[in-house]
């Protein structure tokens, strides 16, 4: 599946949750780590995560996971 790219949309503010969902713990990891892990288990190699609201914290995790990411500075729109 090297020709298929996965895009994870994780730019939201999680207003209804009151906390950044992608940083919440789930099964001993953050939610974003679980999401990326599940994508990899499906055989996907090329993964890009779109971030916005948590652009200070999420890159630290994403760099450790060796995935691409881009920042949507207009995530509120």
C-alpha atoms as a PDB file:
ATOM      1  CA  UNK A   1       0.000   0.000   0.000  1.00  0.00           C
ATOM      2  CA  UNK A   2       2.882   2.375  -0.645  1.00  0.00           C
ATOM      3  CA  UNK A   3       0.868   4.368  -3.194  1.00  0.00           C
ATOM      4  CA  UNK A   4      -1.943   5.175  -0.770  1.00  0.00           C
ATOM      5  CA  UNK A   5      -1.662   8.106   1.613  1.00  0.00           C
ATOM      6  CA  UNK A   6      -3.545   8.434   4.892  1.00  0.00           C
ATOM      7  CA  UNK A   7      -4.613  11.852   6.102  1.00  0.00           C
ATOM      8  CA  UNK A   8      -5.612  12.290   9.737  1.00  0.00           C
ATOM      9  CA  UNK A   9      -7.634  15.422  10.445  1.00  0.00           C
ATOM     10  CA  UNK A  10      -6.655  16.485  13.965  1.00  0.00           C
ATOM     11  CA  UNK A  11      -6.820  20.279  13.788  1.00  0.00           C
ATOM     12  CA  UNK A  12      -9.934  20.897  15.875  1.00  0.00           C
ATOM     13  CA  UNK A  13     -10.221  22.559  19.254  1.00  0.00           C
ATOM     14  CA  UNK A  14     -12.282  19.795  20.920  1.00  0.00           C
ATOM     15  CA  UNK A  15     -14.596  22.471  22.345  1.00  0.00           C
ATOM     16  CA  UNK A  16     -17.384  20.059  23.286  1.00  0.00           C
ATOM     17  CA  UNK A  17     -14.921  17.709  24.986  1.00  0.00           C
ATOM     18  CA  UNK A  18     -13.267  20.578  26.857  1.00  0.00           C
ATOM     19  CA  UNK A  19      -9.830  19.006  26.368  1.00  0.00           C
ATOM     20  CA  UNK A  20      -7.714  18.193  23.311  1.00  0.00           C
ATOM     21  CA  UNK A  21      -9.020  14.743  22.292  1.00  0.00           C
ATOM     22  CA  UNK A  22      -5.877  13.680  20.479  1.00  0.00           C
ATOM     23  CA  UNK A  23      -3.834  14.164  23.658  1.00  0.00           C
ATOM     24  CA  UNK A  24      -6.165  12.194  25.936  1.00  0.00           C
ATOM     25  CA  UNK A  25      -4.920   8.843  27.236  1.00  0.00           C
ATOM     26  CA  UNK A  26      -6.407   5.703  25.697  1.00  0.00           C
ATOM     27  CA  UNK A  27      -5.054   2.171  26.170  1.00  0.00           C
ATOM     28  CA  UNK A  28      -1.839   3.471  27.729  1.00  0.00           C
ATOM     29  CA  UNK A  29      -1.046   5.927  24.929  1.00  0.00           C
ATOM     30  CA  UNK A  30      -2.420   9.198  23.639  1.00  0.00           C
ATOM     31  CA  UNK A  31      -5.338   9.042  21.240  1.00  0.00           C
ATOM     32  CA  UNK A  32      -3.151  10.234  18.347  1.00  0.00           C
ATOM     33  CA  UNK A  33      -0.665   7.427  19.040  1.00  0.00           C
ATOM     34  CA  UNK A  34      -3.525   4.922  18.915  1.00  0.00           C
ATOM     35  CA  UNK A  35      -4.859   6.393  15.673  1.00  0.00           C
ATOM     36  CA  UNK A  36      -1.441   6.255  13.991  1.00  0.00           C
ATOM     37  CA  UNK A  37      -0.857   2.744  15.316  1.00  0.00           C
ATOM     38  CA  UNK A  38      -4.149   1.525  13.867  1.00  0.00           C
ATOM     39  CA  UNK A  39      -3.365   3.082  10.496  1.00  0.00           C
ATOM     40  CA  UNK A  40       0.001   1.339  10.474  1.00  0.00           C
ATOM     41  CA  UNK A  41      -1.615  -1.973  11.427  1.00  0.00           C
ATOM     42  CA  UNK A  42      -3.773  -1.579   8.335  1.00  0.00           C
ATOM     43  CA  UNK A  43      -0.577  -1.553   6.277  1.00  0.00           C
ATOM     44  CA  UNK A  44      -0.389   2.149   5.562  1.00  0.00           C
ATOM     45  CA  UNK A  45       3.043   3.711   5.265  1.00  0.00           C
ATOM     46  CA  UNK A  46       2.459   7.293   4.110  1.00  0.00           C
ATOM     47  CA  UNK A  47       0.690   9.170   6.886  1.00  0.00           C
ATOM     48  CA  UNK A  48       0.088  12.905   7.173  1.00  0.00           C
ATOM     49  CA  UNK A  49      -1.611  14.506  10.156  1.00  0.00           C
ATOM     50  CA  UNK A  50      -3.259  17.920   9.815  1.00  0.00           C
ATOM     51  CA  UNK A  51      -2.990  19.832  13.088  1.00  0.00           C
ATOM     52  CA  UNK A  52      -4.086  23.271  14.202  1.00  0.00           C
ATOM     53  CA  UNK A  53      -5.356  23.913  17.715  1.00  0.00           C
ATOM     54  CA  UNK A  54      -2.601  21.890  19.425  1.00  0.00           C
ATOM     55  CA  UNK A  55       0.240  22.929  17.133  1.00  0.00           C
ATOM     56  CA  UNK A  56       2.636  23.280  20.061  1.00  0.00           C
ATOM     57  CA  UNK A  57       2.108  19.861  21.667  1.00  0.00           C
ATOM     58  CA  UNK A  58       1.180  17.478  18.851  1.00  0.00           C
ATOM     59  CA  UNK A  59       4.384  17.923  16.792  1.00  0.00           C
ATOM     60  CA  UNK A  60       6.428  16.553  19.692  1.00  0.00           C
ATOM     61  CA  UNK A  61       4.462  13.302  19.548  1.00  0.00           C
ATOM     62  CA  UNK A  62       4.205  13.183  15.754  1.00  0.00           C
ATOM     63  CA  UNK A  63       7.964  13.549  15.299  1.00  0.00           C
ATOM     64  CA  UNK A  64       8.499  10.532  17.570  1.00  0.00           C
ATOM     65  CA  UNK A  65       5.994   8.581  15.469  1.00  0.00           C
ATOM     66  CA  UNK A  66       7.858   9.494  12.260  1.00  0.00           C
ATOM     67  CA  UNK A  67       4.798  10.772  10.429  1.00  0.00           C
ATOM     68  CA  UNK A  68       4.397  13.869   8.299  1.00  0.00           C
ATOM     69  CA  UNK A  69       2.299  16.708   9.589  1.00  0.00           C
ATOM     70  CA  UNK A  70       1.140  20.085   8.396  1.00  0.00           C
ATOM     71  CA  UNK A  71      -0.397  22.978  10.289  1.00  0.00           C
ATOM     72  CA  UNK A  72      -3.736  24.476   9.346  1.00  0.00           C
ATOM     73  CA  UNK A  73      -3.521  27.975  10.798  1.00  0.00           C
ATOM     74  CA  UNK A  74      -7.146  28.614   9.752  1.00  0.00           C
ATOM     75  CA  UNK A  75      -8.481  25.594  11.654  1.00  0.00           C
ATOM     76  CA  UNK A  76     -11.286  27.636  13.244  1.00  0.00           C
ATOM     77  CA  UNK A  77     -12.812  28.132   9.812  1.00  0.00           C
END
